[in-house]
Amino acid sequence: MVFEHDYINFPELTNKQISEFGFTSPHKQIVEDFPARVVKVSDGDTITLRATFRDFDFPLRFLSVDAPELSTGDKGAKSKDWLKEFIEDQLVDVKINRENRVGKFGRLLGDVVFKGLNMGDLMVQKGLATPFGRRREDSLPVINKELSMGNWL
């Protein structure tokens, strides 16, 4: 059985997929740092980039931070607005971790550096984001999910 990858909706391949489909990809797979222009800020930790080596714009999820969701109201909007004001339509450097390049939703992951400043670190310092994985540290777990039989089998 031959598997066809959906390059339009999921342009980035995981490292495993590169070994399987890398030579059939219609565009360069990103495995190293690169410069790009920020064409859109979607929220406090997701942006859309334009790079010279691709003929389409593509999303990037910040690797090291979690920003509040837009649905959370003021905090999410404040994070997005600050980031938009700072880097939208600016040239940035994207730092790629070769071992952690693609997220669970198929988006490219990376750290964004603008004028020598790591945007994720700066957002954490300003209280606009938290280090990745710590966003729900102070919330109570959903007990039904934690105690479901599937977790114990």
N, C-alpha and C. Protein backbone atom coordinates (compact mmCIF):
# COMPACT_ATOMS: atom_id res chain seq x y z
N MET A 1 0.84 -1.18 0.00
CA MET A 1 0.00 0.00 0.00
C MET A 1 0.90 1.25 0.00
N VAL A 2 0.64 2.15 -0.91
CA VAL A 2 1.40 3.39 -1.01
C VAL A 2 0.62 4.49 -0.30
N PHE A 3 1.29 5.19 0.62
CA PHE A 3 0.66 6.25 1.38
C PHE A 3 0.97 7.58 0.72
N GLU A 4 -0.04 8.38 0.47
CA GLU A 4 0.14 9.72 -0.08
C GLU A 4 0.07 10.72 1.07
N HIS A 5 1.04 11.59 1.16
CA HIS A 5 1.04 12.62 2.20
C HIS A 5 0.32 13.86 1.70
N ASP A 6 -0.48 14.51 2.54
CA ASP A 6 -1.21 15.73 2.22
C ASP A 6 -0.29 16.93 2.42
N TYR A 7 0.49 17.27 1.40
CA TYR A 7 1.47 18.35 1.51
C TYR A 7 0.83 19.74 1.56
N ILE A 8 -0.39 19.86 1.09
CA ILE A 8 -1.05 21.17 1.10
C ILE A 8 -1.45 21.55 2.53
N ASN A 9 -2.10 20.65 3.24
CA ASN A 9 -2.54 20.94 4.60
C ASN A 9 -1.46 20.69 5.65
N PHE A 10 -0.50 19.84 5.33
CA PHE A 10 0.58 19.50 6.27
C PHE A 10 1.91 19.52 5.53
N PRO A 11 2.44 20.73 5.26
CA PRO A 11 3.67 20.81 4.46
C PRO A 11 4.90 20.26 5.16
N GLU A 12 4.90 20.25 6.48
CA GLU A 12 6.08 19.77 7.21
C GLU A 12 5.98 18.27 7.46
N LEU A 13 7.08 17.60 7.27
CA LEU A 13 7.17 16.18 7.56
C LEU A 13 7.92 15.98 8.86
N THR A 14 7.51 15.01 9.65
CA THR A 14 8.27 14.64 10.84
C THR A 14 9.57 14.00 10.38
N ASN A 15 10.51 13.82 11.29
CA ASN A 15 11.78 13.17 10.91
C ASN A 15 11.54 11.78 10.35
N LYS A 16 10.61 11.04 10.93
CA LYS A 16 10.29 9.70 10.42
C LYS A 16 9.71 9.79 9.02
N GLN A 17 8.81 10.75 8.80
CA GLN A 17 8.21 10.90 7.47
C GLN A 17 9.24 11.34 6.44
N ILE A 18 10.23 12.14 6.84
CA ILE A 18 11.28 12.54 5.88
C ILE A 18 12.00 11.30 5.36
N SER A 19 12.27 10.36 6.26
CA SER A 19 12.96 9.15 5.80
C SER A 19 12.06 8.32 4.87
N GLU A 20 10.74 8.44 5.03
CA GLU A 20 9.81 7.69 4.18
C GLU A 20 9.45 8.44 2.89
N PHE A 21 9.19 9.76 3.02
CA PHE A 21 8.66 10.53 1.89
C PHE A 21 9.55 11.68 1.44
N GLY A 22 10.67 11.89 2.09
CA GLY A 22 11.50 13.06 1.85
C GLY A 22 11.77 13.38 0.40
N PHE A 23 12.02 12.37 -0.39
CA PHE A 23 12.36 12.62 -1.79
C PHE A 23 11.14 12.92 -2.64
N THR A 24 9.94 12.67 -2.10
CA THR A 24 8.72 12.96 -2.87
C THR A 24 8.10 14.28 -2.48
N SER A 25 8.64 14.93 -1.46
CA SER A 25 8.09 16.20 -1.02
C SER A 25 8.24 17.24 -2.13
N PRO A 26 7.18 17.99 -2.42
CA PRO A 26 7.27 19.00 -3.49
C PRO A 26 8.02 20.27 -3.07
N HIS A 27 8.42 20.35 -1.83
CA HIS A 27 9.15 21.52 -1.35
C HIS A 27 10.19 21.10 -0.32
N LYS A 28 11.13 22.00 -0.11
CA LYS A 28 12.23 21.75 0.83
C LYS A 28 11.68 21.54 2.25
N GLN A 29 12.14 20.50 2.89
CA GLN A 29 11.80 20.28 4.29
C GLN A 29 12.79 21.05 5.15
N ILE A 30 12.27 21.70 6.17
CA ILE A 30 13.09 22.58 6.99
C ILE A 30 13.74 21.78 8.11
N VAL A 31 15.07 21.75 8.10
CA VAL A 31 15.82 21.02 9.12
C VAL A 31 16.92 21.87 9.74
N GLU A 32 16.98 23.15 9.34
CA GLU A 32 18.01 24.03 9.88
C GLU A 32 17.45 25.44 10.03
N ASP A 33 18.19 26.28 10.75
CA ASP A 33 17.78 27.66 11.00
C ASP A 33 17.66 28.41 9.67
N PHE A 34 16.78 29.44 9.67
CA PHE A 34 16.58 30.22 8.45
C PHE A 34 15.99 31.60 8.78
N PRO A 35 16.20 32.56 7.89
CA PRO A 35 15.54 33.86 8.04
C PRO A 35 14.19 33.83 7.33
N ALA A 36 13.24 34.61 7.84
CA ALA A 36 11.92 34.67 7.21
C ALA A 36 11.24 35.98 7.61
N ARG A 37 10.22 36.34 6.87
CA ARG A 37 9.40 37.51 7.19
C ARG A 37 8.12 37.01 7.86
N VAL A 38 7.73 37.68 8.94
CA VAL A 38 6.47 37.35 9.62
C VAL A 38 5.35 38.07 8.86
N VAL A 39 4.46 37.30 8.24
CA VAL A 39 3.37 37.90 7.47
C VAL A 39 2.07 37.95 8.25
N LYS A 40 1.99 37.17 9.34
CA LYS A 40 0.77 37.17 10.14
C LYS A 40 1.09 36.64 11.53
N VAL A 41 0.46 37.24 12.54
CA VAL A 41 0.50 36.71 13.90
C VAL A 41 -0.89 36.16 14.17
N SER A 42 -0.99 34.85 14.34
CA SER A 42 -2.29 34.21 14.56
C SER A 42 -2.74 34.29 16.01
N ASP A 43 -1.79 34.09 16.90
CA ASP A 43 -2.04 34.21 18.34
C ASP A 43 -0.69 34.42 19.01
N GLY A 44 -0.62 34.27 20.33
CA GLY A 44 0.62 34.58 21.03
C GLY A 44 1.75 33.59 20.84
N ASP A 45 1.48 32.45 20.19
CA ASP A 45 2.56 31.49 19.97
C ASP A 45 2.53 30.85 18.58
N THR A 46 1.77 31.43 17.65
CA THR A 46 1.72 30.92 16.29
C THR A 46 1.77 32.08 15.30
N ILE A 47 2.68 31.97 14.35
CA ILE A 47 2.84 33.00 13.33
C ILE A 47 2.87 32.35 11.95
N THR A 48 2.69 33.16 10.92
CA THR A 48 2.82 32.69 9.54
C THR A 48 4.04 33.38 8.93
N LEU A 49 4.86 32.57 8.27
CA LEU A 49 6.14 33.04 7.73
C LEU A 49 6.17 32.98 6.21
N ARG A 50 7.03 33.82 5.65
CA ARG A 50 7.35 33.78 4.22
C ARG A 50 8.87 33.68 4.13
N ALA A 51 9.35 32.66 3.42
CA ALA A 51 10.79 32.45 3.26
C ALA A 51 11.11 32.31 1.77
N THR A 52 12.33 32.65 1.41
CA THR A 52 12.73 32.65 0.00
C THR A 52 12.74 31.26 -0.62
N PHE A 53 12.88 30.22 0.19
CA PHE A 53 13.00 28.87 -0.35
C PHE A 53 11.65 28.16 -0.55
N ARG A 54 10.54 28.85 -0.27
CA ARG A 54 9.21 28.27 -0.50
C ARG A 54 8.36 29.27 -1.27
N ASP A 55 7.43 28.73 -2.07
CA ASP A 55 6.55 29.60 -2.84
C ASP A 55 5.18 29.76 -2.17
N PHE A 56 5.11 29.48 -0.87
CA PHE A 56 3.88 29.66 -0.11
C PHE A 56 4.23 30.04 1.32
N ASP A 57 3.30 30.70 1.99
CA ASP A 57 3.48 31.06 3.39
C ASP A 57 3.14 29.85 4.25
N PHE A 58 3.76 29.74 5.42
CA PHE A 58 3.56 28.56 6.25
C PHE A 58 3.58 28.93 7.73
N PRO A 59 2.86 28.15 8.56
CA PRO A 59 2.78 28.47 9.99
C PRO A 59 3.98 27.94 10.77
N LEU A 60 4.25 28.63 11.87
CA LEU A 60 5.28 28.21 12.81
C LEU A 60 4.70 28.37 14.21
N ARG A 61 4.85 27.33 15.01
CA ARG A 61 4.43 27.35 16.42
C ARG A 61 5.69 27.55 17.24
N PHE A 62 5.66 28.52 18.17
CA PHE A 62 6.82 28.73 19.03
C PHE A 62 7.12 27.44 19.77
N LEU A 63 8.37 27.05 19.78
CA LEU A 63 8.79 25.79 20.38
C LEU A 63 8.74 25.81 21.90
N SER A 64 9.16 26.89 22.50
CA SER A 64 9.43 26.85 23.93
C SER A 64 8.41 27.52 24.83
N VAL A 65 7.32 28.05 24.27
CA VAL A 65 6.34 28.73 25.12
C VAL A 65 4.90 28.36 24.76
N ASP A 66 4.04 28.59 25.73
CA ASP A 66 2.59 28.51 25.54
C ASP A 66 2.03 29.89 25.84
N ALA A 67 1.27 30.44 24.93
CA ALA A 67 0.58 31.71 25.18
C ALA A 67 -0.89 31.39 25.44
N PRO A 68 -1.58 32.28 26.15
CA PRO A 68 -3.01 32.04 26.40
C PRO A 68 -3.79 31.93 25.09
N GLU A 69 -4.79 31.09 25.08
CA GLU A 69 -5.64 30.94 23.89
C GLU A 69 -6.45 32.21 23.70
N LEU A 70 -6.77 32.52 22.45
CA LEU A 70 -7.58 33.71 22.18
C LEU A 70 -8.95 33.60 22.83
N SER A 71 -9.44 32.39 22.98
CA SER A 71 -10.76 32.17 23.59
C SER A 71 -10.77 32.51 25.08
N THR A 72 -9.60 32.71 25.69
CA THR A 72 -9.56 33.03 27.12
C THR A 72 -9.81 34.51 27.37
N GLY A 73 -10.02 35.27 26.32
CA GLY A 73 -10.35 36.67 26.50
C GLY A 73 -9.16 37.59 26.47
N ASP A 74 -9.10 38.50 27.45
CA ASP A 74 -8.10 39.57 27.45
C ASP A 74 -6.66 39.07 27.40
N LYS A 75 -6.35 38.00 28.15
CA LYS A 75 -4.97 37.52 28.19
C LYS A 75 -4.51 37.05 26.81
N GLY A 76 -5.35 36.29 26.13
CA GLY A 76 -4.99 35.80 24.80
C GLY A 76 -4.85 36.93 23.79
N ALA A 77 -5.77 37.88 23.84
CA ALA A 77 -5.72 39.02 22.92
C ALA A 77 -4.50 39.90 23.21
N LYS A 78 -4.19 40.09 24.48
CA LYS A 78 -3.04 40.92 24.85
C LYS A 78 -1.73 40.31 24.35
N SER A 79 -1.60 39.00 24.49
CA SER A 79 -0.41 38.29 24.03
C SER A 79 -0.26 38.41 22.52
N LYS A 80 -1.35 38.16 21.81
CA LYS A 80 -1.32 38.26 20.34
C LYS A 80 -1.00 39.69 19.90
N ASP A 81 -1.69 40.67 20.49
CA ASP A 81 -1.50 42.06 20.08
C ASP A 81 -0.07 42.54 20.32
N TRP A 82 0.52 42.15 21.46
CA TRP A 82 1.89 42.56 21.75
C TRP A 82 2.84 41.96 20.71
N LEU A 83 2.68 40.66 20.43
CA LEU A 83 3.56 39.99 19.47
C LEU A 83 3.38 40.60 18.08
N LYS A 84 2.14 40.86 17.71
CA LYS A 84 1.85 41.45 16.40
C LYS A 84 2.54 42.81 16.26
N GLU A 85 2.43 43.63 17.27
CA GLU A 85 3.05 44.96 17.25
C GLU A 85 4.57 44.85 17.12
N PHE A 86 5.14 43.83 17.75
CA PHE A 86 6.59 43.69 17.81
C PHE A 86 7.18 43.11 16.53
N ILE A 87 6.57 42.03 15.97
CA ILE A 87 7.27 41.34 14.87
C ILE A 87 6.51 41.20 13.55
N GLU A 88 5.22 41.57 13.50
CA GLU A 88 4.53 41.39 12.22
C GLU A 88 5.16 42.27 11.15
N ASP A 89 5.37 41.70 9.97
CA ASP A 89 6.00 42.33 8.82
C ASP A 89 7.49 42.61 9.05
N GLN A 90 8.10 41.90 10.00
CA GLN A 90 9.52 42.05 10.28
C GLN A 90 10.29 40.80 9.84
N LEU A 91 11.56 40.98 9.55
CA LEU A 91 12.44 39.87 9.23
C LEU A 91 12.95 39.28 10.55
N VAL A 92 12.80 37.98 10.72
CA VAL A 92 13.23 37.30 11.95
C VAL A 92 14.14 36.13 11.59
N ASP A 93 14.83 35.63 12.58
CA ASP A 93 15.60 34.40 12.44
C ASP A 93 14.85 33.30 13.17
N VAL A 94 14.69 32.17 12.51
CA VAL A 94 14.00 31.03 13.11
C VAL A 94 15.04 29.98 13.44
N LYS A 95 15.05 29.56 14.70
CA LYS A 95 15.99 28.55 15.18
C LYS A 95 15.24 27.22 15.29
N ILE A 96 15.76 26.22 14.59
CA ILE A 96 15.12 24.90 14.52
C ILE A 96 15.89 23.90 15.37
N ASN A 97 15.15 23.13 16.15
CA ASN A 97 15.72 22.01 16.90
C ASN A 97 15.49 20.77 16.03
N ARG A 98 16.54 20.21 15.48
CA ARG A 98 16.40 19.08 14.55
C ARG A 98 15.67 17.89 15.15
N GLU A 99 15.72 17.74 16.46
CA GLU A 99 15.06 16.61 17.11
C GLU A 99 13.59 16.89 17.44
N ASN A 100 13.18 18.14 17.34
CA ASN A 100 11.81 18.53 17.69
C ASN A 100 11.35 19.62 16.74
N ARG A 101 11.16 19.25 15.45
CA ARG A 101 10.87 20.23 14.40
C ARG A 101 9.40 20.37 14.05
N VAL A 102 8.61 19.34 14.32
CA VAL A 102 7.21 19.35 13.89
C VAL A 102 6.32 18.96 15.06
N GLY A 103 5.28 19.77 15.31
CA GLY A 103 4.36 19.52 16.41
C GLY A 103 3.28 18.52 16.06
N LYS A 104 2.44 18.23 17.04
CA LYS A 104 1.41 17.20 16.86
C LYS A 104 0.37 17.58 15.82
N PHE A 105 0.22 18.86 15.49
CA PHE A 105 -0.73 19.26 14.47
C PHE A 105 -0.06 19.52 13.13
N GLY A 106 1.19 19.05 12.98
CA GLY A 106 1.90 19.17 11.71
C GLY A 106 2.51 20.52 11.44
N ARG A 107 2.54 21.39 12.44
CA ARG A 107 3.15 22.71 12.25
C ARG A 107 4.64 22.64 12.56
N LEU A 108 5.39 23.46 11.84
CA LEU A 108 6.81 23.62 12.13
C LEU A 108 6.95 24.23 13.51
N LEU A 109 7.94 23.76 14.28
CA LEU A 109 8.23 24.31 15.61
C LEU A 109 9.58 25.01 15.56
N GLY A 110 9.69 26.12 16.25
CA GLY A 110 10.98 26.82 16.29
C GLY A 110 10.95 27.98 17.26
N ASP A 111 12.13 28.47 17.56
CA ASP A 111 12.27 29.68 18.36
C ASP A 111 12.45 30.85 17.40
N VAL A 112 11.83 31.96 17.72
CA VAL A 112 11.88 33.15 16.86
C VAL A 112 12.76 34.20 17.52
N VAL A 113 13.74 34.68 16.75
CA VAL A 113 14.66 35.69 17.26
C VAL A 113 14.53 36.94 16.39
N PHE A 114 14.30 38.07 17.06
CA PHE A 114 14.16 39.36 16.37
C PHE A 114 15.10 40.36 17.02
N LYS A 115 16.00 40.91 16.23
CA LYS A 115 17.01 41.87 16.73
C LYS A 115 17.76 41.32 17.94
N GLY A 116 18.10 40.03 17.85
CA GLY A 116 18.89 39.39 18.90
C GLY A 116 18.09 38.93 20.11
N LEU A 117 16.78 39.17 20.13
CA LEU A 117 15.93 38.80 21.26
C LEU A 117 15.09 37.56 20.94
N ASN A 118 15.14 36.57 21.81
CA ASN A 118 14.28 35.40 21.66
C ASN A 118 12.88 35.81 22.07
N MET A 119 11.96 35.80 21.14
CA MET A 119 10.60 36.28 21.40
C MET A 119 9.89 35.47 22.47
N GLY A 120 10.09 34.16 22.49
CA GLY A 120 9.47 33.33 23.53
C GLY A 120 9.95 33.71 24.92
N ASP A 121 11.26 33.86 25.07
CA ASP A 121 11.81 34.25 26.37
C ASP A 121 11.29 35.62 26.80
N LEU A 122 11.23 36.54 25.84
CA LEU A 122 10.76 37.89 26.15
C LEU A 122 9.29 37.87 26.57
N MET A 123 8.49 37.06 25.90
CA MET A 123 7.07 36.96 26.26
C MET A 123 6.89 36.38 27.66
N VAL A 124 7.71 35.40 28.03
CA VAL A 124 7.65 34.84 29.38
C VAL A 124 8.02 35.92 30.39
N GLN A 125 9.09 36.66 30.12
CA GLN A 125 9.52 37.74 31.03
C GLN A 125 8.43 38.78 31.24
N LYS A 126 7.66 39.06 30.18
CA LYS A 126 6.62 40.07 30.25
C LYS A 126 5.29 39.51 30.77
N GLY A 127 5.24 38.21 31.07
CA GLY A 127 4.01 37.60 31.58
C GLY A 127 2.97 37.33 30.50
N LEU A 128 3.39 37.32 29.24
CA LEU A 128 2.47 37.10 28.12
C LEU A 128 2.41 35.63 27.69
N ALA A 129 3.30 34.81 28.24
CA ALA A 129 3.36 33.38 27.91
C ALA A 129 4.02 32.66 29.08
N THR A 130 3.92 31.34 29.06
CA THR A 130 4.59 30.51 30.06
C THR A 130 5.49 29.54 29.33
N PRO A 131 6.54 29.05 30.00
CA PRO A 131 7.37 28.03 29.36
C PRO A 131 6.50 26.84 28.95
N PHE A 132 6.81 26.26 27.80
CA PHE A 132 6.00 25.16 27.27
C PHE A 132 5.82 24.06 28.30
N GLY A 133 4.60 23.57 28.42
CA GLY A 133 4.30 22.48 29.33
C GLY A 133 3.93 22.92 30.72
N ARG A 134 4.04 24.21 31.02
CA ARG A 134 3.73 24.68 32.37
C ARG A 134 2.44 25.49 32.43
N ARG A 135 1.73 25.61 31.31
CA ARG A 135 0.55 26.46 31.26
C ARG A 135 -0.52 26.02 32.25
N ARG A 136 -0.72 24.75 32.41
CA ARG A 136 -1.80 24.27 33.28
C ARG A 136 -1.28 23.75 34.62
N GLU A 137 -0.09 24.17 34.99
CA GLU A 137 0.54 23.70 36.22
C GLU A 137 -0.28 23.98 37.47
N ASP A 138 -0.96 25.12 37.50
CA ASP A 138 -1.70 25.48 38.70
C ASP A 138 -3.18 25.13 38.63
N SER A 139 -3.62 24.39 37.60
CA SER A 139 -5.02 24.02 37.51
C SER A 139 -5.22 22.60 38.01
N LEU A 140 -6.44 22.32 38.42
CA LEU A 140 -6.78 20.98 38.90
C LEU A 140 -6.98 20.04 37.72
N PRO A 141 -6.56 18.79 37.84
CA PRO A 141 -6.76 17.84 36.75
C PRO A 141 -8.24 17.48 36.63
N VAL A 142 -8.65 17.08 35.43
CA VAL A 142 -10.01 16.61 35.22
C VAL A 142 -10.05 15.18 35.75
N ILE A 143 -10.69 14.99 36.88
CA ILE A 143 -10.62 13.72 37.61
C ILE A 143 -11.17 12.55 36.80
N ASN A 144 -12.24 12.77 36.03
CA ASN A 144 -12.80 11.67 35.23
C ASN A 144 -11.80 11.19 34.19
N LYS A 145 -11.06 12.11 33.61
CA LYS A 145 -10.05 11.75 32.62
C LYS A 145 -8.88 11.02 33.28
N GLU A 146 -8.45 11.52 34.43
CA GLU A 146 -7.32 10.92 35.14
C GLU A 146 -7.63 9.51 35.62
N LEU A 147 -8.87 9.26 36.00
CA LEU A 147 -9.24 7.96 36.56
C LEU A 147 -9.91 7.02 35.56
N SER A 148 -9.95 7.37 34.29
CA SER A 148 -10.60 6.51 33.30
C SER A 148 -9.87 5.18 33.20
N MET A 149 -10.60 4.15 32.89
CA MET A 149 -10.05 2.80 32.80
C MET A 149 -8.93 2.71 31.76
N GLY A 150 -9.04 3.51 30.68
CA GLY A 150 -8.03 3.46 29.63
C GLY A 150 -6.64 3.82 30.12
N ASN A 151 -6.55 4.64 31.14
CA ASN A 151 -5.26 5.02 31.69
C ASN A 151 -4.62 3.89 32.49
N TRP A 152 -5.40 2.95 32.92
CA TRP A 152 -4.91 1.90 33.82
C TRP A 152 -4.71 0.56 33.13
N LEU A 153 -5.17 0.44 31.90
CA LEU A 153 -5.05 -0.85 31.21
C LEU A 153 -3.81 -0.92 30.36
